[in-house]
Amino acid sequence: MTDNTRVRVQSDDVTGGKALFASFDFPEAGHLVVSERVPTSHVLNAPTKYTIRKEDEVHLDIKTIIKYANHR
């Protein structure tokens, strides 16, 4: 389960969509912000618009707020 106290979802002014943001500043790099266990039924061989690529032919179909993570 995701710890929602460390992150928040808000509108992204750049894309117009929603984005995941940390709820506070971290004192240094390397801190874990969120993590989640993904059931095997949500692991796909091919990407979709809504999956996150873990490695070649492993794409995670995330159903929680982590789906709003981006890499801007």
C-alpha atoms as a PDB file:
ATOM      1  CA  MET A   1       0.000   0.000   0.000  1.00  0.00           C
ATOM      2  CA  THR A   2       1.166   3.509  -0.793  1.00  0.00           C
ATOM      3  CA  ASP A   3       2.018   5.958   2.000  1.00  0.00           C
ATOM      4  CA  ASN A   4      -0.030   8.965   0.874  1.00  0.00           C
ATOM      5  CA  THR A   5       1.413  11.283   3.530  1.00  0.00           C
ATOM      6  CA  ARG A   6       4.665  11.659   1.579  1.00  0.00           C
ATOM      7  CA  VAL A   7       3.061  12.616  -1.745  1.00  0.00           C
ATOM      8  CA  ARG A   8       0.132  14.536  -3.179  1.00  0.00           C
ATOM      9  CA  VAL A   9      -1.584  14.653  -6.567  1.00  0.00           C
ATOM     10  CA  GLN A  10      -2.187  18.066  -8.064  1.00  0.00           C
ATOM     11  CA  SER A  11      -2.831  19.644 -11.427  1.00  0.00           C
ATOM     12  CA  ASP A  12       0.303  20.033 -13.532  1.00  0.00           C
ATOM     13  CA  ASP A  13       0.488  23.524 -15.011  1.00  0.00           C
ATOM     14  CA  VAL A  14       2.740  22.303 -17.840  1.00  0.00           C
ATOM     15  CA  THR A  15       0.681  19.360 -19.125  1.00  0.00           C
ATOM     16  CA  GLY A  16      -2.776  20.280 -17.853  1.00  0.00           C
ATOM     17  CA  GLY A  17      -3.065  16.790 -16.355  1.00  0.00           C
ATOM     18  CA  LYS A  18      -2.443  15.501 -12.879  1.00  0.00           C
ATOM     19  CA  ALA A  19       1.015  14.899 -11.444  1.00  0.00           C
ATOM     20  CA  LEU A  20       2.492  13.379  -8.303  1.00  0.00           C
ATOM     21  CA  PHE A  21       4.530  15.674  -6.061  1.00  0.00           C
ATOM     22  CA  ALA A  22       6.396  15.101  -2.816  1.00  0.00           C
ATOM     23  CA  SER A  23       4.577  16.664   0.141  1.00  0.00           C
ATOM     24  CA  PHE A  24       7.765  18.130   1.610  1.00  0.00           C
ATOM     25  CA  ASP A  25      11.373  18.910   0.727  1.00  0.00           C
ATOM     26  CA  PHE A  26      13.811  16.081   1.303  1.00  0.00           C
ATOM     27  CA  PRO A  27      17.050  17.010   3.079  1.00  0.00           C
ATOM     28  CA  GLU A  28      19.215  15.129   0.557  1.00  0.00           C
ATOM     29  CA  ALA A  29      19.019  12.941  -2.539  1.00  0.00           C
ATOM     30  CA  GLY A  30      18.345   9.237  -2.271  1.00  0.00           C
ATOM     31  CA  HIS A  31      15.190   9.222  -0.143  1.00  0.00           C
ATOM     32  CA  LEU A  32      12.406   6.801  -1.003  1.00  0.00           C
ATOM     33  CA  VAL A  33       9.294   8.790  -1.794  1.00  0.00           C
ATOM     34  CA  VAL A  34       6.763   6.032  -2.569  1.00  0.00           C
ATOM     35  CA  SER A  35       6.774   2.309  -3.168  1.00  0.00           C
ATOM     36  CA  GLU A  36       4.172  -0.248  -4.041  1.00  0.00           C
ATOM     37  CA  ARG A  37       3.819  -3.969  -4.594  1.00  0.00           C
ATOM     38  CA  VAL A  38       2.204  -4.639  -7.930  1.00  0.00           C
ATOM     39  CA  PRO A  39       0.119  -7.808  -8.281  1.00  0.00           C
ATOM     40  CA  THR A  40       1.206 -10.121 -11.084  1.00  0.00           C
ATOM     41  CA  SER A  41      -2.144  -9.530 -12.769  1.00  0.00           C
ATOM     42  CA  HIS A  42      -1.040  -5.906 -13.304  1.00  0.00           C
ATOM     43  CA  VAL A  43       2.276  -6.803 -14.982  1.00  0.00           C
ATOM     44  CA  LEU A  44       2.058  -6.646 -18.778  1.00  0.00           C
ATOM     45  CA  ASN A  45       4.447  -7.654 -21.579  1.00  0.00           C
ATOM     46  CA  ALA A  46       3.705  -4.568 -23.680  1.00  0.00           C
ATOM     47  CA  PRO A  47       3.282  -0.914 -22.771  1.00  0.00           C
ATOM     48  CA  THR A  48       0.033   1.016 -22.776  1.00  0.00           C
ATOM     49  CA  LYS A  49      -0.642   4.702 -22.307  1.00  0.00           C
ATOM     50  CA  TYR A  50      -1.066   4.037 -18.588  1.00  0.00           C
ATOM     51  CA  THR A  51       1.782   1.661 -17.722  1.00  0.00           C
ATOM     52  CA  ILE A  52       5.181   2.351 -16.207  1.00  0.00           C
ATOM     53  CA  ARG A  53       8.095   0.501 -17.797  1.00  0.00           C
ATOM     54  CA  LYS A  54      10.195  -1.450 -15.323  1.00  0.00           C
ATOM     55  CA  GLU A  55      12.396  -3.212 -17.873  1.00  0.00           C
ATOM     56  CA  ASP A  56      12.082  -4.690 -21.370  1.00  0.00           C
ATOM     57  CA  GLU A  57       8.755  -6.514 -21.656  1.00  0.00           C
ATOM     58  CA  VAL A  58       7.810  -5.679 -18.043  1.00  0.00           C
ATOM     59  CA  HIS A  59       5.253  -2.886 -17.780  1.00  0.00           C
ATOM     60  CA  LEU A  60       3.377  -2.118 -14.568  1.00  0.00           C
ATOM     61  CA  ASP A  61      -0.295  -1.183 -14.759  1.00  0.00           C
ATOM     62  CA  ILE A  62      -0.452   0.958 -11.608  1.00  0.00           C
ATOM     63  CA  LYS A  63      -3.893   1.601 -10.116  1.00  0.00           C
ATOM     64  CA  THR A  64      -2.950   3.917  -7.202  1.00  0.00           C
ATOM     65  CA  ILE A  65      -1.747   7.524  -7.065  1.00  0.00           C
ATOM     66  CA  ILE A  66       1.689   6.366  -8.198  1.00  0.00           C
ATOM     67  CA  LYS A  67       0.231   6.324 -11.718  1.00  0.00           C
ATOM     68  CA  TYR A  68       0.600  10.112 -11.678  1.00  0.00           C
ATOM     69  CA  ALA A  69       4.403   9.935 -11.324  1.00  0.00           C
ATOM     70  CA  ASN A  70       6.345  11.515 -14.145  1.00  0.00           C
ATOM     71  CA  HIS A  71       9.943  12.220 -15.065  1.00  0.00           C
ATOM     72  CA  ARG A  72      10.014  15.854 -16.097  1.00  0.00           C
END
